[in-house]
PDB file of N, CA and C in Angstrom:
ATOM      1  N   UNK A   1     158.618  71.196  99.525  1.00  0.00           N
ATOM      2  CA  UNK A   1     158.166  70.619 100.691  1.00  0.00           C
ATOM      3  C   UNK A   1     158.808  71.674 101.587  1.00  0.00           C
ATOM      4  N   UNK A   2     158.030  72.130 102.723  1.00  0.00           N
ATOM      5  CA  UNK A   2     158.486  72.984 103.814  1.00  0.00           C
ATOM      6  C   UNK A   2     159.277  72.071 104.737  1.00  0.00           C
ATOM      7  N   UNK A   3     160.094  72.747 105.278  1.00  0.00           N
ATOM      8  CA  UNK A   3     160.962  72.378 106.562  1.00  0.00           C
ATOM      9  C   UNK A   3     160.193  72.438 107.890  1.00  0.00           C
ATOM     10  N   UNK A   4     160.106  71.591 108.544  1.00  0.00           N
ATOM     11  CA  UNK A   4     159.449  71.694 110.023  1.00  0.00           C
ATOM     12  C   UNK A   4     160.633  72.038 110.801  1.00  0.00           C
ATOM     13  N   UNK A   5     160.184  73.098 111.515  1.00  0.00           N
ATOM     14  CA  UNK A   5     161.191  73.705 112.565  1.00  0.00           C
ATOM     15  C   UNK A   5     160.520  73.341 114.011  1.00  0.00           C
ATOM     16  N   UNK A   6     161.220  72.765 114.806  1.00  0.00           N
ATOM     17  CA  UNK A   6     160.589  72.436 116.203  1.00  0.00           C
ATOM     18  C   UNK A   6     161.528  73.210 117.144  1.00  0.00           C
ATOM     19  N   UNK A   7     160.731  73.464 118.193  1.00  0.00           N
ATOM     20  CA  UNK A   7     161.315  73.875 119.683  1.00  0.00           C
ATOM     21  C   UNK A   7     162.143  72.725 120.104  1.00  0.00           C
ATOM     22  N   UNK A   8     162.888  72.982 121.289  1.00  0.00           N
ATOM     23  CA  UNK A   8     163.499  72.057 121.872  1.00  0.00           C
ATOM     24  C   UNK A   8     162.469  71.026 122.732  1.00  0.00           C
ATOM     25  N   UNK A   9     161.547  71.644 123.157  1.00  0.00           N
ATOM     26  CA  UNK A   9     160.467  70.992 123.860  1.00  0.00           C
ATOM     27  C   UNK A   9     159.973  69.999 122.916  1.00  0.00           C
ATOM     28  N   UNK A  10     159.449  70.319 121.752  1.00  0.00           N
ATOM     29  CA  UNK A  10     158.666  69.548 120.834  1.00  0.00           C
ATOM     30  C   UNK A  10     159.862  68.391 120.188  1.00  0.00           C
ATOM     31  N   UNK A  11     160.995  68.711 120.123  1.00  0.00           N
ATOM     32  CA  UNK A  11     161.839  67.749 119.830  1.00  0.00           C
ATOM     33  C   UNK A  11     161.961  66.549 120.882  1.00  0.00           C
ATOM     34  N   UNK A  12     162.197  67.046 122.066  1.00  0.00           N
ATOM     35  CA  UNK A  12     162.370  66.099 123.116  1.00  0.00           C
ATOM     36  C   UNK A  12     161.095  65.098 123.318  1.00  0.00           C
ATOM     37  N   UNK A  13     159.913  65.883 122.810  1.00  0.00           N
ATOM     38  CA  UNK A  13     158.657  64.842 122.976  1.00  0.00           C
ATOM     39  C   UNK A  13     158.792  63.993 121.704  1.00  0.00           C
ATOM     40  N   UNK A  14     159.087  64.349 120.711  1.00  0.00           N
ATOM     41  CA  UNK A  14     159.184  63.586 119.687  1.00  0.00           C
ATOM     42  C   UNK A  14     160.141  62.505 119.603  1.00  0.00           C
ATOM     43  N   UNK A  15     161.431  62.731 120.236  1.00  0.00           N
ATOM     44  CA  UNK A  15     162.329  61.673 120.432  1.00  0.00           C
ATOM     45  C   UNK A  15     161.785  60.383 121.504  1.00  0.00           C
ATOM     46  N   UNK A  16     160.759  60.703 122.317  1.00  0.00           N
ATOM     47  CA  UNK A  16     160.329  59.737 123.073  1.00  0.00           C
ATOM     48  C   UNK A  16     159.954  58.407 122.375  1.00  0.00           C
ATOM     49  N   UNK A  17     159.359  58.683 121.070  1.00  0.00           N
ATOM     50  CA  UNK A  17     159.105  57.358 120.115  1.00  0.00           C
ATOM     51  C   UNK A  17     160.403  56.588 119.965  1.00  0.00           C
ATOM     52  N   UNK A  18     161.599  57.369 119.951  1.00  0.00           N
ATOM     53  CA  UNK A  18     162.849  56.535 119.622  1.00  0.00           C
ATOM     54  C   UNK A  18     163.576  55.777 121.006  1.00  0.00           C
ATOM     55  N   UNK A  19     163.070  56.382 122.055  1.00  0.00           N
ATOM     56  CA  UNK A  19     163.684  56.162 123.273  1.00  0.00           C
ATOM     57  C   UNK A  19     162.661  55.483 124.229  1.00  0.00           C
ATOM     58  N   UNK A  20     161.903  54.751 123.742  1.00  0.00           N
ATOM     59  CA  UNK A  20     160.826  53.912 124.743  1.00  0.00           C
ATOM     60  C   UNK A  20     161.399  53.346 125.680  1.00  0.00           C
ATOM     61  N   UNK A  21     160.880  53.691 126.934  1.00  0.00           N
ATOM     62  CA  UNK A  21     161.170  53.306 128.186  1.00  0.00           C
ATOM     63  C   UNK A  21     162.843  53.442 128.649  1.00  0.00           C
ATOM     64  N   UNK A  22     163.203  54.525 128.014  1.00  0.00           N
ATOM     65  CA  UNK A  22     164.809  54.790 128.357  1.00  0.00           C
ATOM     66  C   UNK A  22     165.658  54.086 127.295  1.00  0.00           C
ATOM     67  N   UNK A  23     165.211  53.299 126.603  1.00  0.00           N
ATOM     68  CA  UNK A  23     166.034  52.550 125.694  1.00  0.00           C
ATOM     69  C   UNK A  23     166.158  52.937 124.256  1.00  0.00           C
ATOM     70  N   UNK A  24     167.145  53.095 123.599  1.00  0.00           N
ATOM     71  CA  UNK A  24     167.215  53.722 122.397  1.00  0.00           C
ATOM     72  C   UNK A  24     166.670  52.529 121.347  1.00  0.00           C
ATOM     73  N   UNK A  25     165.515  52.274 121.087  1.00  0.00           N
ATOM     74  CA  UNK A  25     165.058  51.071 120.452  1.00  0.00           C
ATOM     75  C   UNK A  25     164.482  51.370 118.937  1.00  0.00           C
ATOM     76  N   UNK A  26     164.649  52.732 118.641  1.00  0.00           N
ATOM     77  CA  UNK A  26     164.103  53.037 117.288  1.00  0.00           C
ATOM     78  C   UNK A  26     162.626  53.316 117.121  1.00  0.00           C
ATOM     79  N   UNK A  27     162.214  53.744 116.173  1.00  0.00           N
ATOM     80  CA  UNK A  27     160.652  53.967 115.985  1.00  0.00           C
ATOM     81  C   UNK A  27     160.094  53.669 114.870  1.00  0.00           C
ATOM     82  N   UNK A  28     158.958  53.332 114.610  1.00  0.00           N
ATOM     83  CA  UNK A  28     158.437  52.960 113.291  1.00  0.00           C
ATOM     84  C   UNK A  28     157.162  53.807 113.194  1.00  0.00           C
ATOM     85  N   UNK A  29     156.760  54.062 111.859  1.00  0.00           N
ATOM     86  CA  UNK A  29     155.392  54.421 111.654  1.00  0.00           C
ATOM     87  C   UNK A  29     154.310  53.791 112.565  1.00  0.00           C
ATOM     88  N   UNK A  30     153.357  54.574 113.334  1.00  0.00           N
ATOM     89  CA  UNK A  30     152.055  53.821 113.682  1.00  0.00           C
ATOM     90  C   UNK A  30     152.638  53.452 115.283  1.00  0.00           C
ATOM     91  N   UNK A  31     153.830  53.553 115.779  1.00  0.00           N
ATOM     92  CA  UNK A  31     154.218  53.396 117.170  1.00  0.00           C
ATOM     93  C   UNK A  31     153.383  54.415 118.008  1.00  0.00           C
ATOM     94  N   UNK A  32     152.905  53.868 119.243  1.00  0.00           N
ATOM     95  CA  UNK A  32     152.053  54.620 120.118  1.00  0.00           C
ATOM     96  C   UNK A  32     152.857  54.757 121.398  1.00  0.00           C
ATOM     97  N   UNK A  33     152.458  55.966 121.920  1.00  0.00           N
ATOM     98  CA  UNK A  33     152.920  56.150 123.259  1.00  0.00           C
ATOM     99  C   UNK A  33     151.704  56.790 123.985  1.00  0.00           C
ATOM    100  N   UNK A  34     151.513  56.517 125.333  1.00  0.00           N
ATOM    101  CA  UNK A  34     150.640  57.115 126.228  1.00  0.00           C
ATOM    102  C   UNK A  34     150.966  58.526 126.461  1.00  0.00           C
ATOM    103  N   UNK A  35     149.826  59.282 126.663  1.00  0.00           N
ATOM    104  CA  UNK A  35     150.010  60.772 127.000  1.00  0.00           C
ATOM    105  C   UNK A  35     150.982  61.011 128.113  1.00  0.00           C
ATOM    106  N   UNK A  36     150.995  60.011 129.152  1.00  0.00           N
ATOM    107  CA  UNK A  36     151.750  60.035 130.212  1.00  0.00           C
ATOM    108  C   UNK A  36     153.295  60.178 129.749  1.00  0.00           C
ATOM    109  N   UNK A  37     153.648  59.513 128.843  1.00  0.00           N
ATOM    110  CA  UNK A  37     155.059  59.489 128.441  1.00  0.00           C
ATOM    111  C   UNK A  37     155.464  60.855 128.078  1.00  0.00           C
ATOM    112  N   UNK A  38     154.726  61.759 127.501  1.00  0.00           N
ATOM    113  CA  UNK A  38     155.076  63.076 127.130  1.00  0.00           C
ATOM    114  C   UNK A  38     155.168  63.837 128.291  1.00  0.00           C
ATOM    115  N   UNK A  39     154.102  63.772 129.328  1.00  0.00           N
ATOM    116  CA  UNK A  39     154.223  64.416 130.670  1.00  0.00           C
ATOM    117  C   UNK A  39     155.426  63.966 131.412  1.00  0.00           C
ATOM    118  N   UNK A  40     155.927  62.956 131.428  1.00  0.00           N
ATOM    119  CA  UNK A  40     157.154  62.424 132.115  1.00  0.00           C
ATOM    120  C   UNK A  40     158.283  62.958 131.664  1.00  0.00           C
ATOM    121  N   UNK A  41     158.436  62.965 130.059  1.00  0.00           N
ATOM    122  CA  UNK A  41     159.437  63.709 129.477  1.00  0.00           C
ATOM    123  C   UNK A  41     159.661  65.148 129.919  1.00  0.00           C
ATOM    124  N   UNK A  42     158.666  65.764 129.977  1.00  0.00           N
ATOM    125  CA  UNK A  42     158.622  67.157 130.289  1.00  0.00           C
ATOM    126  C   UNK A  42     159.051  67.329 131.860  1.00  0.00           C
ATOM    127  N   UNK A  43     158.618  66.516 132.593  1.00  0.00           N
ATOM    128  CA  UNK A  43     158.933  66.633 133.876  1.00  0.00           C
ATOM    129  C   UNK A  43     160.384  66.229 134.131  1.00  0.00           C
ATOM    130  N   UNK A  44     161.008  65.561 133.363  1.00  0.00           N
ATOM    131  CA  UNK A  44     162.479  65.054 133.453  1.00  0.00           C
ATOM    132  C   UNK A  44     163.391  66.045 132.704  1.00  0.00           C
ATOM    133  N   UNK A  45     162.930  67.260 132.237  1.00  0.00           N
ATOM    134  CA  UNK A  45     163.692  68.092 131.346  1.00  0.00           C
ATOM    135  C   UNK A  45     163.388  69.556 131.921  1.00  0.00           C
ATOM    136  N   UNK A  46     163.774  69.824 133.201  1.00  0.00           N
ATOM    137  CA  UNK A  46     163.595  71.040 133.802  1.00  0.00           C
ATOM    138  C   UNK A  46     164.366  72.192 133.053  1.00  0.00           C
ATOM    139  N   UNK A  47     163.706  73.406 132.870  1.00  0.00           N
ATOM    140  CA  UNK A  47     164.355  74.560 132.332  1.00  0.00           C
ATOM    141  C   UNK A  47     164.015  74.399 130.791  1.00  0.00           C
ATOM    142  N   UNK A  48     163.424  73.534 130.225  1.00  0.00           N
ATOM    143  CA  UNK A  48     163.082  73.318 128.918  1.00  0.00           C
ATOM    144  C   UNK A  48     161.492  73.802 128.838  1.00  0.00           C
ATOM    145  N   UNK A  49     161.114  74.735 127.815  1.00  0.00           N
ATOM    146  CA  UNK A  49     159.651  75.326 127.614  1.00  0.00           C
ATOM    147  C   UNK A  49     158.918  74.076 126.741  1.00  0.00           C
ATOM    148  N   UNK A  50     157.982  73.485 127.287  1.00  0.00           N
ATOM    149  CA  UNK A  50     157.150  72.471 126.448  1.00  0.00           C
ATOM    150  C   UNK A  50     155.619  73.272 126.149  1.00  0.00           C
ATOM    151  N   UNK A  51     155.555  74.481 126.489  1.00  0.00           N
ATOM    152  CA  UNK A  51     154.271  75.266 126.213  1.00  0.00           C
ATOM    153  C   UNK A  51     154.026  74.950 124.822  1.00  0.00           C
ATOM    154  N   UNK A  52     152.881  74.589 124.375  1.00  0.00           N
ATOM    155  CA  UNK A  52     152.583  74.247 123.030  1.00  0.00           C
ATOM    156  C   UNK A  52     153.209  73.257 122.224  1.00  0.00           C
ATOM    157  N   UNK A  53     154.261  72.527 122.857  1.00  0.00           N
ATOM    158  CA  UNK A  53     154.876  71.639 122.153  1.00  0.00           C
ATOM    159  C   UNK A  53     154.216  70.317 121.487  1.00  0.00           C
ATOM    160  N   UNK A  54     153.300  69.879 122.050  1.00  0.00           N
ATOM    161  CA  UNK A  54     152.404  68.794 121.763  1.00  0.00           C
ATOM    162  C   UNK A  54     151.556  69.125 120.644  1.00  0.00           C
ATOM    163  N   UNK A  55     150.942  70.342 120.982  1.00  0.00           N
ATOM    164  CA  UNK A  55     150.185  70.778 119.678  1.00  0.00           C
ATOM    165  C   UNK A  55     150.905  71.206 118.529  1.00  0.00           C
ATOM    166  N   UNK A  56     152.239  71.728 118.530  1.00  0.00           N
ATOM    167  CA  UNK A  56     152.967  71.872 117.487  1.00  0.00           C
ATOM    168  C   UNK A  56     153.157  70.548 116.709  1.00  0.00           C
ATOM    169  N   UNK A  57     153.386  69.510 117.507  1.00  0.00           N
ATOM    170  CA  UNK A  57     153.708  68.210 116.785  1.00  0.00           C
ATOM    171  C   UNK A  57     152.421  67.659 116.247  1.00  0.00           C
ATOM    172  N   UNK A  58     151.264  68.098 116.782  1.00  0.00           N
ATOM    173  CA  UNK A  58     149.974  67.455 116.312  1.00  0.00           C
ATOM    174  C   UNK A  58     149.618  68.533 114.935  1.00  0.00           C
ATOM    175  N   UNK A  59     149.737  69.716 114.918  1.00  0.00           N
ATOM    176  CA  UNK A  59     149.475  70.628 113.993  1.00  0.00           C
ATOM    177  C   UNK A  59     150.371  70.437 112.694  1.00  0.00           C
ATOM    178  N   UNK A  60     151.595  69.942 113.052  1.00  0.00           N
ATOM    179  CA  UNK A  60     152.792  69.755 112.039  1.00  0.00           C
ATOM    180  C   UNK A  60     152.497  68.385 111.411  1.00  0.00           C
ATOM    181  N   UNK A  61     151.617  67.412 111.934  1.00  0.00           N
ATOM    182  CA  UNK A  61     151.235  66.205 111.186  1.00  0.00           C
ATOM    183  C   UNK A  61     152.355  65.235 111.621  1.00  0.00           C
ATOM    184  N   UNK A  62     153.388  65.607 112.719  1.00  0.00           N
ATOM    185  CA  UNK A  62     154.422  64.830 113.143  1.00  0.00           C
ATOM    186  C   UNK A  62     153.772  63.552 113.938  1.00  0.00           C
ATOM    187  N   UNK A  63     152.724  63.888 114.646  1.00  0.00           N
ATOM    188  CA  UNK A  63     151.985  62.884 115.528  1.00  0.00           C
ATOM    189  C   UNK A  63     150.405  63.108 115.440  1.00  0.00           C
ATOM    190  N   UNK A  64     149.720  61.935 115.722  1.00  0.00           N
ATOM    191  CA  UNK A  64     148.304  62.286 115.855  1.00  0.00           C
ATOM    192  C   UNK A  64     147.852  61.526 116.964  1.00  0.00           C
ATOM    193  N   UNK A  65     146.487  62.177 117.437  1.00  0.00           N
ATOM    194  CA  UNK A  65     146.309  61.576 118.829  1.00  0.00           C
ATOM    195  C   UNK A  65     144.840  60.573 118.761  1.00  0.00           C
ATOM    196  N   UNK A  66     144.852  59.585 119.344  1.00  0.00           N
ATOM    197  CA  UNK A  66     143.775  58.721 119.324  1.00  0.00           C
ATOM    198  C   UNK A  66     143.748  57.921 120.625  1.00  0.00           C
ATOM    199  N   UNK A  67     142.295  57.942 121.414  1.00  0.00           N
ATOM    200  CA  UNK A  67     142.027  57.186 122.377  1.00  0.00           C
ATOM    201  C   UNK A  67     143.228  57.145 123.690  1.00  0.00           C
ATOM    202  N   UNK A  68     143.650  58.535 123.661  1.00  0.00           N
ATOM    203  CA  UNK A  68     144.590  58.946 124.920  1.00  0.00           C
ATOM    204  C   UNK A  68     146.286  58.451 124.601  1.00  0.00           C
ATOM    205  N   UNK A  69     146.519  58.244 123.461  1.00  0.00           N
ATOM    206  CA  UNK A  69     147.861  57.975 123.063  1.00  0.00           C
ATOM    207  C   UNK A  69     148.176  58.707 121.840  1.00  0.00           C
ATOM    208  N   UNK A  70     149.374  58.834 121.767  1.00  0.00           N
ATOM    209  CA  UNK A  70     149.944  59.712 120.671  1.00  0.00           C
ATOM    210  C   UNK A  70     150.694  58.621 119.660  1.00  0.00           C
ATOM    211  N   UNK A  71     150.523  58.913 118.247  1.00  0.00           N
ATOM    212  CA  UNK A  71     150.869  57.905 117.241  1.00  0.00           C
ATOM    213  C   UNK A  71     151.867  58.573 116.569  1.00  0.00           C
ATOM    214  N   UNK A  72     153.054  58.055 116.067  1.00  0.00           N
ATOM    215  CA  UNK A  72     153.986  58.626 115.168  1.00  0.00           C
ATOM    216  C   UNK A  72     153.473  58.422 113.750  1.00  0.00           C
ATOM    217  N   UNK A  73     153.562  59.540 113.008  1.00  0.00           N
ATOM    218  CA  UNK A  73     153.099  59.447 111.670  1.00  0.00           C
ATOM    219  C   UNK A  73     154.440  59.285 110.728  1.00  0.00           C
ATOM    220  N   UNK A  74     154.186  59.168 109.479  1.00  0.00           N
ATOM    221  CA  UNK A  74     155.332  59.163 108.500  1.00  0.00           C
ATOM    222  C   UNK A  74     156.050  60.577 108.631  1.00  0.00           C
ATOM    223  N   UNK A  75     155.498  61.584 108.694  1.00  0.00           N
ATOM    224  CA  UNK A  75     156.162  62.888 108.893  1.00  0.00           C
ATOM    225  C   UNK A  75     157.038  62.908 110.133  1.00  0.00           C
ATOM    226  N   UNK A  76     156.547  62.587 110.956  1.00  0.00           N
ATOM    227  CA  UNK A  76     157.463  62.405 112.383  1.00  0.00           C
ATOM    228  C   UNK A  76     158.618  61.443 112.429  1.00  0.00           C
ATOM    229  N   UNK A  77     158.273  60.401 111.573  1.00  0.00           N
ATOM    230  CA  UNK A  77     159.312  59.303 111.346  1.00  0.00           C
ATOM    231  C   UNK A  77     160.372  60.147 110.595  1.00  0.00           C
ATOM    232  N   UNK A  78     160.160  60.694 109.589  1.00  0.00           N
ATOM    233  CA  UNK A  78     161.160  61.313 108.534  1.00  0.00           C
ATOM    234  C   UNK A  78     161.783  62.512 109.371  1.00  0.00           C
ATOM    235  N   UNK A  79     161.228  63.293 110.015  1.00  0.00           N
ATOM    236  CA  UNK A  79     162.002  63.981 110.958  1.00  0.00           C
ATOM    237  C   UNK A  79     162.837  63.493 111.866  1.00  0.00           C
ATOM    238  N   UNK A  80     162.716  62.476 112.628  1.00  0.00           N
ATOM    239  CA  UNK A  80     163.504  61.879 113.411  1.00  0.00           C
ATOM    240  C   UNK A  80     164.876  61.304 112.626  1.00  0.00           C
ATOM    241  N   UNK A  81     164.427  60.682 111.457  1.00  0.00           N
ATOM    242  CA  UNK A  81     165.586  59.786 110.883  1.00  0.00           C
ATOM    243  C   UNK A  81     166.062  60.222 109.508  1.00  0.00           C
ATOM    244  N   UNK A  82     165.200  61.274 109.015  1.00  0.00           N
ATOM    245  CA  UNK A  82     165.853  61.716 107.564  1.00  0.00           C
ATOM    246  C   UNK A  82     166.154  63.234 107.755  1.00  0.00           C
ATOM    247  N   UNK A  83     166.240  63.634 109.113  1.00  0.00           N
ATOM    248  CA  UNK A  83     166.581  65.036 109.116  1.00  0.00           C
ATOM    249  C   UNK A  83     165.871  66.055 108.113  1.00  0.00           C
ATOM    250  N   UNK A  84     164.814  66.165 107.987  1.00  0.00           N
ATOM    251  CA  UNK A  84     163.990  66.985 106.933  1.00  0.00           C
ATOM    252  C   UNK A  84     163.546  68.243 107.896  1.00  0.00           C
ATOM    253  N   UNK A  85     164.090  68.529 108.943  1.00  0.00           N
ATOM    254  CA  UNK A  85     163.835  69.755 109.703  1.00  0.00           C
ATOM    255  C   UNK A  85     164.709  69.980 110.586  1.00  0.00           C
ATOM    256  N   UNK A  86     164.665  70.930 111.339  1.00  0.00           N
ATOM    257  CA  UNK A  86     165.819  71.292 112.538  1.00  0.00           C
ATOM    258  C   UNK A  86     165.225  71.878 113.651  1.00  0.00           C
ATOM    259  N   UNK A  87     165.748  72.105 114.673  1.00  0.00           N
ATOM    260  CA  UNK A  87     165.237  72.833 115.831  1.00  0.00           C
ATOM    261  C   UNK A  87     165.317  74.353 115.689  1.00  0.00           C
ATOM    262  N   UNK A  88     164.208  75.080 116.114  1.00  0.00           N
ATOM    263  CA  UNK A  88     164.030  76.457 115.904  1.00  0.00           C
ATOM    264  C   UNK A  88     165.336  77.175 116.612  1.00  0.00           C
ATOM    265  N   UNK A  89     165.971  77.978 116.247  1.00  0.00           N
ATOM    266  CA  UNK A  89     167.339  78.708 116.529  1.00  0.00           C
ATOM    267  C   UNK A  89     168.420  77.860 116.184  1.00  0.00           C
ATOM    268  N   UNK A  90     168.504  77.032 115.540  1.00  0.00           N
ATOM    269  CA  UNK A  90     169.641  76.189 115.078  1.00  0.00           C
ATOM    270  C   UNK A  90     169.682  76.076 113.473  1.00  0.00           C
ATOM    271  N   UNK A  91     171.134  75.751 113.146  1.00  0.00           N
ATOM    272  CA  UNK A  91     171.114  75.455 111.479  1.00  0.00           C
ATOM    273  C   UNK A  91     170.916  76.549 110.844  1.00  0.00           C
TER     274      UNK A  91
END
């Protein structure tokens, strides 16, 4: 099984499922976030490169997109909680 490598920007976006509305509530497969949640996370993280971050998550199967929302997949859940990957440039 290949290891998923994410940029800091992509990882910040994925963590939004865990930190819904600023609370660390955890996430489960199938959780949904509006596209605006990703835009807000990027705006709150100056100096972090988010270019291509959403597409990386989609291409890697960590999230899927439907009706203006992003949906956490099993692969995304595994990345968040089972640490089957790591950020580019680390580890």
